[in-house]
Amino acid sequence: MPVSADVVGAPCWLSLAARERKAAERFYGAVLGWSYRPSGLGRAITVAERDGVPVAGIAEVAAQLAVPVAWTAYFAVADADAAVARVRERGGTVGVGPVPYPPRGRAALASDREGAVFGLWEGQVAAGWKVGGSRAPVWLELHTRDAFDAALFYGEVLEWLDNEAGCCEVSYEEDRVVLRQDGEAVARLDSGPVEAGSPQPQRRPRWLVHFRCTALDAAVAAALDHGGTVVEDTGSLERRQVTLQDPDGALFTLDQAPAPSDRTPS
């Protein structure tokens, strides 16, 4: 199993801070067809899988850590203490941690200068987990006021710009900032209208978590049947995206994915 220093700066995990783990498991199992296994980090945390491949963690920690019920993308760092210091030096905020999760590693929750929340992880990285590209079930998008300013912040905090082996590369494509690892896009930073503190959480600066599914209508129907709410339905028939809230208020987006036979190599 690789360690975070091997993939420094890259997205390395996705976790839901839940109020009640079993309820969250039932909801996302119904919507996305996930199954679950122990994480090795305690009974409060499980790993969600799809077809035997790890997708995300569900952690019953919202009350314990006094954090909102929300999805958080984690990025790999070689040294969590140093990364936390870089966040503060560059105007970000550290909300939690670093917190030890023996025997795997340490985690911290932080927010950038605009208020978008992200996680830092130092330690062992889940084997087989994948984000971005055309085949991964998950991809990430930062919705922020100025993508170029955000790229400077994250580039310094996560050492995207160090050009060392294992580091990510940043490119500017069609007025967007694209983060690539080994040549494959793993996240996108988009400029747009945002409002910190907006009563509509989908309008705030944030990391958007996208899950791809081939049966989008069925997944949305399952979400509604299990207490979820549609927040926004956008895009064309081929590129449709539906943003929802789960019963506890965590935002996530479902994307219409092509059928397996229609997919092209990344």
C-alpha atoms as a PDB file:
ATOM      1  CA  MET A   1       0.000   0.000   0.000  1.00  0.00           C
ATOM      2  CA  PRO A   2       1.499   3.365  -1.010  1.00  0.00           C
ATOM      3  CA  VAL A   3       1.976   6.218   1.423  1.00  0.00           C
ATOM      4  CA  SER A   4       0.928   9.824   0.932  1.00  0.00           C
ATOM      5  CA  ALA A   5       4.491  10.971   0.257  1.00  0.00           C
ATOM      6  CA  ASP A   6       4.418   8.870  -2.940  1.00  0.00           C
ATOM      7  CA  VAL A   7       1.510  10.881  -4.373  1.00  0.00           C
ATOM      8  CA  VAL A   8       2.022  14.224  -2.657  1.00  0.00           C
ATOM      9  CA  GLY A   9      -0.526  16.861  -3.618  1.00  0.00           C
ATOM     10  CA  ALA A  10      -2.939  14.464  -5.295  1.00  0.00           C
ATOM     11  CA  PRO A  11      -6.490  13.689  -4.185  1.00  0.00           C
ATOM     12  CA  CYS A  12      -6.090  10.504  -2.154  1.00  0.00           C
ATOM     13  CA  TRP A  13      -9.460   9.847  -0.495  1.00  0.00           C
ATOM     14  CA  LEU A  14     -13.028  10.968  -0.116  1.00  0.00           C
ATOM     15  CA  SER A  15     -14.912  10.880   3.167  1.00  0.00           C
ATOM     16  CA  LEU A  16     -18.394  11.648   4.435  1.00  0.00           C
ATOM     17  CA  ALA A  17     -18.550  13.066   7.955  1.00  0.00           C
ATOM     18  CA  ALA A  18     -21.866  11.532   8.977  1.00  0.00           C
ATOM     19  CA  ARG A  19     -24.090  11.904  11.974  1.00  0.00           C
ATOM     20  CA  GLU A  20     -25.220   8.259  11.936  1.00  0.00           C
ATOM     21  CA  ARG A  21     -23.131   5.839   9.901  1.00  0.00           C
ATOM     22  CA  LYS A  22     -25.707   3.104   9.381  1.00  0.00           C
ATOM     23  CA  ALA A  23     -28.297   5.568   8.056  1.00  0.00           C
ATOM     24  CA  ALA A  24     -25.746   7.021   5.624  1.00  0.00           C
ATOM     25  CA  GLU A  25     -24.785   3.539   4.470  1.00  0.00           C
ATOM     26  CA  ARG A  26     -28.413   2.690   3.704  1.00  0.00           C
ATOM     27  CA  PHE A  27     -28.930   5.909   1.740  1.00  0.00           C
ATOM     28  CA  TYR A  28     -25.814   5.712  -0.437  1.00  0.00           C
ATOM     29  CA  GLY A  29     -26.146   1.955  -0.852  1.00  0.00           C
ATOM     30  CA  ALA A  30     -29.607   2.521  -2.324  1.00  0.00           C
ATOM     31  CA  VAL A  31     -28.534   5.443  -4.522  1.00  0.00           C
ATOM     32  CA  LEU A  32     -25.144   4.252  -5.770  1.00  0.00           C
ATOM     33  CA  GLY A  33     -25.169   0.509  -5.135  1.00  0.00           C
ATOM     34  CA  TRP A  34     -22.329   0.595  -2.640  1.00  0.00           C
ATOM     35  CA  SER A  35     -21.377  -2.225  -0.318  1.00  0.00           C
ATOM     36  CA  TYR A  36     -19.307  -1.725   2.832  1.00  0.00           C
ATOM     37  CA  ARG A  37     -16.358  -3.224   4.685  1.00  0.00           C
ATOM     38  CA  PRO A  38     -14.468  -2.310   7.877  1.00  0.00           C
ATOM     39  CA  SER A  39     -11.845   0.373   7.430  1.00  0.00           C
ATOM     40  CA  GLY A  40      -9.352  -0.782  10.045  1.00  0.00           C
ATOM     41  CA  LEU A  41      -9.648   2.668  11.668  1.00  0.00           C
ATOM     42  CA  GLY A  42     -12.303   1.813  14.221  1.00  0.00           C
ATOM     43  CA  ARG A  43     -15.964   0.853  14.249  1.00  0.00           C
ATOM     44  CA  ALA A  44     -17.119   4.395  13.452  1.00  0.00           C
ATOM     45  CA  ILE A  45     -15.546   4.351   9.964  1.00  0.00           C
ATOM     46  CA  THR A  46     -16.346   2.065   7.029  1.00  0.00           C
ATOM     47  CA  VAL A  47     -15.147   1.891   3.432  1.00  0.00           C
ATOM     48  CA  ALA A  48     -17.721   2.030   0.645  1.00  0.00           C
ATOM     49  CA  GLU A  49     -16.981  -0.111  -2.387  1.00  0.00           C
ATOM     50  CA  ARG A  50     -18.461  -0.553  -5.847  1.00  0.00           C
ATOM     51  CA  ASP A  51     -17.672  -3.830  -7.613  1.00  0.00           C
ATOM     52  CA  GLY A  52     -14.936  -4.481  -5.060  1.00  0.00           C
ATOM     53  CA  VAL A  53     -13.186  -1.137  -5.694  1.00  0.00           C
ATOM     54  CA  PRO A  54     -12.931   1.410  -2.814  1.00  0.00           C
ATOM     55  CA  VAL A  55     -14.859   4.608  -3.502  1.00  0.00           C
ATOM     56  CA  ALA A  56     -15.168   6.535  -0.237  1.00  0.00           C
ATOM     57  CA  GLY A  57     -15.206   6.419   3.537  1.00  0.00           C
ATOM     58  CA  ILE A  58     -18.195   7.013   5.765  1.00  0.00           C
ATOM     59  CA  ALA A  59     -17.252   8.200   9.237  1.00  0.00           C
ATOM     60  CA  GLU A  60     -19.604   8.778  12.147  1.00  0.00           C
ATOM     61  CA  VAL A  61     -17.618  11.785  13.355  1.00  0.00           C
ATOM     62  CA  ALA A  62     -19.768  14.879  12.697  1.00  0.00           C
ATOM     63  CA  ALA A  63     -20.838  15.208  16.327  1.00  0.00           C
ATOM     64  CA  GLN A  64     -17.504  14.120  17.793  1.00  0.00           C
ATOM     65  CA  LEU A  65     -15.469  16.639  15.764  1.00  0.00           C
ATOM     66  CA  ALA A  66     -18.218  19.308  15.765  1.00  0.00           C
ATOM     67  CA  VAL A  67     -18.172  19.543  11.963  1.00  0.00           C
ATOM     68  CA  PRO A  68     -21.068  19.739   9.474  1.00  0.00           C
ATOM     69  CA  VAL A  69     -22.345  16.605   7.780  1.00  0.00           C
ATOM     70  CA  ALA A  70     -20.488  16.914   4.479  1.00  0.00           C
ATOM     71  CA  TRP A  71     -18.367  15.220   1.842  1.00  0.00           C
ATOM     72  CA  THR A  72     -14.677  16.140   1.971  1.00  0.00           C
ATOM     73  CA  ALA A  73     -11.903  15.478  -0.521  1.00  0.00           C
ATOM     74  CA  TYR A  74      -8.534  14.650   1.046  1.00  0.00           C
ATOM     75  CA  PHE A  75      -5.170  15.453  -0.502  1.00  0.00           C
ATOM     76  CA  ALA A  76      -1.945  13.594   0.179  1.00  0.00           C
ATOM     77  CA  VAL A  77       0.849  15.356   2.057  1.00  0.00           C
ATOM     78  CA  ALA A  78       4.217  14.102   3.230  1.00  0.00           C
ATOM     79  CA  ASP A  79       3.998  15.944   6.565  1.00  0.00           C
ATOM     80  CA  ALA A  80       0.614  16.980   7.991  1.00  0.00           C
ATOM     81  CA  ASP A  81       2.138  19.439  10.486  1.00  0.00           C
ATOM     82  CA  ALA A  82       4.072  21.235   7.764  1.00  0.00           C
ATOM     83  CA  ALA A  83       1.024  21.306   5.483  1.00  0.00           C
ATOM     84  CA  VAL A  84      -1.149  22.768   8.255  1.00  0.00           C
ATOM     85  CA  ALA A  85       1.472  25.460   8.817  1.00  0.00           C
ATOM     86  CA  ARG A  86       1.440  26.303   5.093  1.00  0.00           C
ATOM     87  CA  VAL A  87      -2.356  26.636   5.160  1.00  0.00           C
ATOM     88  CA  ARG A  88      -2.163  29.193   7.974  1.00  0.00           C
ATOM     89  CA  GLU A  89       0.776  31.064   6.426  1.00  0.00           C
ATOM     90  CA  ARG A  90      -1.181  31.540   3.209  1.00  0.00           C
ATOM     91  CA  GLY A  91      -4.384  32.813   4.767  1.00  0.00           C
ATOM     92  CA  GLY A  92      -6.346  29.585   5.078  1.00  0.00           C
ATOM     93  CA  THR A  93      -7.947  28.201   8.220  1.00  0.00           C
ATOM     94  CA  VAL A  94      -7.344  24.905  10.006  1.00  0.00           C
ATOM     95  CA  GLY A  95     -10.511  23.584  11.615  1.00  0.00           C
ATOM     96  CA  VAL A  96      -9.439  20.180  12.925  1.00  0.00           C
ATOM     97  CA  GLY A  97      -6.159  18.370  13.446  1.00  0.00           C
ATOM     98  CA  PRO A  98      -3.907  16.882  12.598  1.00  0.00           C
ATOM     99  CA  VAL A  99      -5.801  14.010  14.260  1.00  0.00           C
ATOM    100  CA  PRO A 100      -4.107  10.583  14.528  1.00  0.00           C
ATOM    101  CA  TYR A 101      -5.830   7.564  12.964  1.00  0.00           C
ATOM    102  CA  PRO A 102      -3.551   4.734  14.028  1.00  0.00           C
ATOM    103  CA  PRO A 103      -2.130   2.709  12.467  1.00  0.00           C
ATOM    104  CA  ARG A 104      -2.767   4.314   9.066  1.00  0.00           C
ATOM    105  CA  GLY A 105      -1.896   7.992   9.448  1.00  0.00           C
ATOM    106  CA  ARG A 106      -3.063  11.483  10.420  1.00  0.00           C
ATOM    107  CA  ALA A 107      -5.716  13.808   9.022  1.00  0.00           C
ATOM    108  CA  ALA A 108      -6.598  17.489   9.202  1.00  0.00           C
ATOM    109  CA  LEU A 109      -9.517  19.578   7.967  1.00  0.00           C
ATOM    110  CA  ALA A 110      -8.821  23.017   6.557  1.00  0.00           C
ATOM    111  CA  SER A 111     -10.421  25.687   4.405  1.00  0.00           C
ATOM    112  CA  ASP A 112      -8.873  27.881   1.742  1.00  0.00           C
ATOM    113  CA  ARG A 113      -9.010  31.673   1.635  1.00  0.00           C
ATOM    114  CA  GLU A 114     -12.508  31.596   0.124  1.00  0.00           C
ATOM    115  CA  GLY A 115     -13.846  29.126   2.690  1.00  0.00           C
ATOM    116  CA  ALA A 116     -13.846  25.910   0.638  1.00  0.00           C
ATOM    117  CA  VAL A 117     -13.158  22.952   2.952  1.00  0.00           C
ATOM    118  CA  PHE A 118     -10.631  20.242   2.115  1.00  0.00           C
ATOM    119  CA  GLY A 119      -8.744  17.539   3.962  1.00  0.00           C
ATOM    120  CA  LEU A 120      -5.052  16.731   4.395  1.00  0.00           C
ATOM    121  CA  TRP A 121      -3.845  13.165   4.820  1.00  0.00           C
ATOM    122  CA  GLU A 122      -0.424  11.885   5.885  1.00  0.00           C
ATOM    123  CA  GLY A 123      -0.008   8.116   5.902  1.00  0.00           C
ATOM    124  CA  GLN A 124      -1.101   5.012   4.023  1.00  0.00           C
ATOM    125  CA  VAL A 125      -3.226   5.583   0.914  1.00  0.00           C
ATOM    126  CA  ALA A 126      -5.968   3.156  -0.120  1.00  0.00           C
ATOM    127  CA  ALA A 127      -4.784   0.812  -2.854  1.00  0.00           C
ATOM    128  CA  GLY A 128      -6.994   0.847  -5.929  1.00  0.00           C
ATOM    129  CA  TRP A 129      -8.717   4.156  -5.184  1.00  0.00           C
ATOM    130  CA  LYS A 130      -9.023   6.376  -8.231  1.00  0.00           C
ATOM    131  CA  VAL A 131     -10.395   9.820  -8.994  1.00  0.00           C
ATOM    132  CA  GLY A 132     -10.700  11.662 -12.287  1.00  0.00           C
ATOM    133  CA  GLY A 133     -10.276  10.309 -15.787  1.00  0.00           C
ATOM    134  CA  SER A 134     -13.119   8.803 -17.796  1.00  0.00           C
ATOM    135  CA  ARG A 135     -13.336   5.526 -15.872  1.00  0.00           C
ATOM    136  CA  ALA A 136     -13.166   6.550 -12.218  1.00  0.00           C
ATOM    137  CA  PRO A 137     -16.504   6.654 -10.366  1.00  0.00           C
ATOM    138  CA  VAL A 138     -15.497   9.931  -8.650  1.00  0.00           C
ATOM    139  CA  TRP A 139     -14.168  13.279  -9.805  1.00  0.00           C
ATOM    140  CA  LEU A 140     -13.588  16.607  -8.074  1.00  0.00           C
ATOM    141  CA  GLU A 141     -14.248  20.223  -8.966  1.00  0.00           C
ATOM    142  CA  LEU A 142     -13.461  23.365  -6.991  1.00  0.00           C
ATOM    143  CA  HIS A 143     -16.110  26.054  -7.324  1.00  0.00           C
ATOM    144  CA  THR A 144     -14.362  29.298  -6.398  1.00  0.00           C
ATOM    145  CA  ARG A 145     -14.282  33.007  -7.180  1.00  0.00           C
ATOM    146  CA  ASP A 146     -10.878  32.952  -8.916  1.00  0.00           C
ATOM    147  CA  ALA A 147      -9.477  29.614 -10.031  1.00  0.00           C
ATOM    148  CA  PHE A 148      -6.037  31.060 -10.745  1.00  0.00           C
ATOM    149  CA  ASP A 149      -5.724  32.559  -7.274  1.00  0.00           C
ATOM    150  CA  ALA A 150      -6.944  29.261  -5.794  1.00  0.00           C
ATOM    151  CA  ALA A 151      -4.356  27.358  -7.832  1.00  0.00           C
ATOM    152  CA  LEU A 152      -1.600  29.461  -6.267  1.00  0.00           C
ATOM    153  CA  PHE A 153      -2.933  28.743  -2.767  1.00  0.00           C
ATOM    154  CA  TYR A 154      -3.274  24.992  -3.282  1.00  0.00           C
ATOM    155  CA  GLY A 155      -0.089  24.816  -5.303  1.00  0.00           C
ATOM    156  CA  GLU A 156       1.874  26.170  -2.355  1.00  0.00           C
ATOM    157  CA  VAL A 157      -0.007  24.267   0.356  1.00  0.00           C
ATOM    158  CA  LEU A 158       0.003  20.930  -1.486  1.00  0.00           C
ATOM    159  CA  GLU A 159       3.345  21.425  -3.248  1.00  0.00           C
ATOM    160  CA  TRP A 160       1.920  21.093  -6.749  1.00  0.00           C
ATOM    161  CA  LEU A 161       4.655  23.355  -8.074  1.00  0.00           C
ATOM    162  CA  ASP A 162       7.695  21.528  -6.715  1.00  0.00           C
ATOM    163  CA  ASN A 163       8.195  19.383  -9.866  1.00  0.00           C
ATOM    164  CA  GLU A 164       9.367  16.413  -7.835  1.00  0.00           C
ATOM    165  CA  ALA A 165       8.583  12.781  -8.624  1.00  0.00           C
ATOM    166  CA  GLY A 166       5.015  11.976  -7.580  1.00  0.00           C
ATOM    167  CA  CYS A 167       3.871  15.599  -7.584  1.00  0.00           C
ATOM    168  CA  CYS A 168       0.868  16.785  -9.547  1.00  0.00           C
ATOM    169  CA  GLU A 169       0.999  19.075 -12.547  1.00  0.00           C
ATOM    170  CA  VAL A 170      -1.152  22.158 -13.070  1.00  0.00           C
ATOM    171  CA  SER A 171      -2.279  23.241 -16.526  1.00  0.00           C
ATOM    172  CA  TYR A 172      -4.552  26.018 -17.807  1.00  0.00           C
ATOM    173  CA  GLU A 173      -7.136  24.729 -20.253  1.00  0.00           C
ATOM    174  CA  GLU A 174     -10.047  26.784 -21.639  1.00  0.00           C
ATOM    175  CA  ASP A 175      -9.978  29.284 -18.748  1.00  0.00           C
ATOM    176  CA  ARG A 176      -9.947  26.477 -16.205  1.00  0.00           C
ATOM    177  CA  VAL A 177      -7.215  25.121 -13.990  1.00  0.00           C
ATOM    178  CA  VAL A 178      -6.752  21.376 -14.382  1.00  0.00           C
ATOM    179  CA  LEU A 179      -4.804  19.238 -11.939  1.00  0.00           C
ATOM    180  CA  ARG A 180      -3.134  16.215 -13.489  1.00  0.00           C
ATOM    181  CA  GLN A 181      -1.329  13.232 -12.026  1.00  0.00           C
ATOM    182  CA  ASP A 182       0.724  11.046 -14.354  1.00  0.00           C
ATOM    183  CA  GLY A 183      -0.850  12.961 -17.232  1.00  0.00           C
ATOM    184  CA  GLU A 184      -4.460  12.225 -16.229  1.00  0.00           C
ATOM    185  CA  ALA A 185      -6.878  14.900 -15.026  1.00  0.00           C
ATOM    186  CA  VAL A 186      -7.797  14.297 -11.365  1.00  0.00           C
ATOM    187  CA  ALA A 187      -9.496  17.601 -10.440  1.00  0.00           C
ATOM    188  CA  ARG A 188     -10.635  20.875 -11.946  1.00  0.00           C
ATOM    189  CA  LEU A 189     -10.713  24.398 -10.495  1.00  0.00           C
ATOM    190  CA  ASP A 190     -13.422  26.642 -11.935  1.00  0.00           C
ATOM    191  CA  SER A 191     -13.988  30.377 -11.530  1.00  0.00           C
ATOM    192  CA  GLY A 192     -17.586  31.420 -11.050  1.00  0.00           C
ATOM    193  CA  PRO A 193     -20.097  33.393  -9.015  1.00  0.00           C
ATOM    194  CA  VAL A 194     -19.837  32.292  -5.393  1.00  0.00           C
ATOM    195  CA  GLU A 195     -20.916  33.829  -2.116  1.00  0.00           C
ATOM    196  CA  ALA A 196     -19.264  32.926   1.159  1.00  0.00           C
ATOM    197  CA  GLY A 197     -21.929  32.410   3.795  1.00  0.00           C
ATOM    198  CA  SER A 198     -24.740  32.088   1.250  1.00  0.00           C
ATOM    199  CA  PRO A 199     -27.921  30.520   2.662  1.00  0.00           C
ATOM    200  CA  GLN A 200     -27.730  28.178  -0.339  1.00  0.00           C
ATOM    201  CA  PRO A 201     -24.745  25.898   0.371  1.00  0.00           C
ATOM    202  CA  GLN A 202     -24.360  24.958  -3.295  1.00  0.00           C
ATOM    203  CA  ARG A 203     -23.564  28.629  -3.997  1.00  0.00           C
ATOM    204  CA  ARG A 204     -20.696  28.814  -1.529  1.00  0.00           C
ATOM    205  CA  PRO A 205     -17.049  28.242  -2.469  1.00  0.00           C
ATOM    206  CA  ARG A 206     -16.549  24.492  -2.127  1.00  0.00           C
ATOM    207  CA  TRP A 207     -15.059  21.320  -3.478  1.00  0.00           C
ATOM    208  CA  LEU A 208     -17.832  19.592  -5.417  1.00  0.00           C
ATOM    209  CA  VAL A 209     -17.846  15.798  -5.219  1.00  0.00           C
ATOM    210  CA  HIS A 210     -19.177  14.136  -8.362  1.00  0.00           C
ATOM    211  CA  PHE A 211     -20.229  10.479  -8.558  1.00  0.00           C
ATOM    212  CA  ARG A 212     -20.709   8.996 -12.009  1.00  0.00           C
ATOM    213  CA  CYS A 213     -23.604   6.614 -12.626  1.00  0.00           C
ATOM    214  CA  THR A 214     -24.957   5.056 -15.817  1.00  0.00           C
ATOM    215  CA  ALA A 215     -28.580   4.995 -14.572  1.00  0.00           C
ATOM    216  CA  LEU A 216     -28.920   8.603 -13.441  1.00  0.00           C
ATOM    217  CA  ASP A 217     -32.722   8.753 -13.328  1.00  0.00           C
ATOM    218  CA  ALA A 218     -32.893   5.601 -11.223  1.00  0.00           C
ATOM    219  CA  ALA A 219     -30.244   6.937  -8.844  1.00  0.00           C
ATOM    220  CA  VAL A 220     -32.095  10.241  -8.411  1.00  0.00           C
ATOM    221  CA  ALA A 221     -35.373   8.397  -7.819  1.00  0.00           C
ATOM    222  CA  ALA A 222     -33.694   6.230  -5.178  1.00  0.00           C
ATOM    223  CA  ALA A 223     -32.303   9.331  -3.474  1.00  0.00           C
ATOM    224  CA  LEU A 224     -35.762  10.900  -3.300  1.00  0.00           C
ATOM    225  CA  ASP A 225     -37.314   7.649  -2.055  1.00  0.00           C
ATOM    226  CA  HIS A 226     -34.755   7.528   0.776  1.00  0.00           C
ATOM    227  CA  GLY A 227     -35.128  11.100   2.004  1.00  0.00           C
ATOM    228  CA  GLY A 228     -32.778  13.018  -0.312  1.00  0.00           C
ATOM    229  CA  THR A 229     -33.562  16.321  -2.028  1.00  0.00           C
ATOM    230  CA  VAL A 230     -32.772  17.589  -5.530  1.00  0.00           C
ATOM    231  CA  VAL A 231     -30.950  20.927  -5.332  1.00  0.00           C
ATOM    232  CA  GLU A 232     -30.113  21.513  -8.991  1.00  0.00           C
ATOM    233  CA  ASP A 233     -30.575  19.671 -12.292  1.00  0.00           C
ATOM    234  CA  THR A 234     -28.343  20.966 -15.085  1.00  0.00           C
ATOM    235  CA  GLY A 235     -26.711  20.014 -18.342  1.00  0.00           C
ATOM    236  CA  SER A 236     -27.844  18.241 -21.471  1.00  0.00           C
ATOM    237  CA  LEU A 237     -29.223  14.720 -21.755  1.00  0.00           C
ATOM    238  CA  GLU A 238     -25.743  13.393 -22.524  1.00  0.00           C
ATOM    239  CA  ARG A 239     -23.942  15.539 -19.920  1.00  0.00           C
ATOM    240  CA  ARG A 240     -26.604  15.828 -17.249  1.00  0.00           C
ATOM    241  CA  GLN A 241     -25.655  16.586 -13.655  1.00  0.00           C
ATOM    242  CA  VAL A 242     -27.969  16.491 -10.652  1.00  0.00           C
ATOM    243  CA  THR A 243     -26.884  17.994  -7.325  1.00  0.00           C
ATOM    244  CA  LEU A 244     -28.613  16.537  -4.279  1.00  0.00           C
ATOM    245  CA  GLN A 245     -28.606  16.696  -0.519  1.00  0.00           C
ATOM    246  CA  ASP A 246     -28.727  13.498   1.485  1.00  0.00           C
ATOM    247  CA  PRO A 247     -31.188  13.298   4.415  1.00  0.00           C
ATOM    248  CA  ASP A 248     -28.646  14.970   6.737  1.00  0.00           C
ATOM    249  CA  GLY A 249     -27.830  17.772   4.302  1.00  0.00           C
ATOM    250  CA  ALA A 250     -24.550  16.634   2.703  1.00  0.00           C
ATOM    251  CA  LEU A 251     -24.261  17.896  -0.876  1.00  0.00           C
ATOM    252  CA  PHE A 252     -23.097  15.690  -3.739  1.00  0.00           C
ATOM    253  CA  THR A 253     -23.548  15.593  -7.509  1.00  0.00           C
ATOM    254  CA  LEU A 254     -24.538  12.682  -9.732  1.00  0.00           C
ATOM    255  CA  ASP A 255     -23.252  12.755 -13.311  1.00  0.00           C
ATOM    256  CA  GLN A 256     -24.640  10.837 -16.240  1.00  0.00           C
ATOM    257  CA  ALA A 257     -21.837   8.433 -17.170  1.00  0.00           C
ATOM    258  CA  PRO A 258     -21.570   6.684 -20.534  1.00  0.00           C
ATOM    259  CA  ALA A 259     -22.279   2.980 -20.627  1.00  0.00           C
ATOM    260  CA  PRO A 260     -19.091   0.887 -20.213  1.00  0.00           C
ATOM    261  CA  SER A 261     -19.044  -0.028 -23.912  1.00  0.00           C
ATOM    262  CA  ASP A 262     -19.156   3.664 -24.853  1.00  0.00           C
ATOM    263  CA  ARG A 263     -16.233   4.773 -22.744  1.00  0.00           C
ATOM    264  CA  THR A 264     -13.021   5.823 -24.360  1.00  0.00           C
ATOM    265  CA  PRO A 265      -9.607   5.369 -22.728  1.00  0.00           C
ATOM    266  CA  SER A 266      -8.462   8.275 -20.532  1.00  0.00           C
END
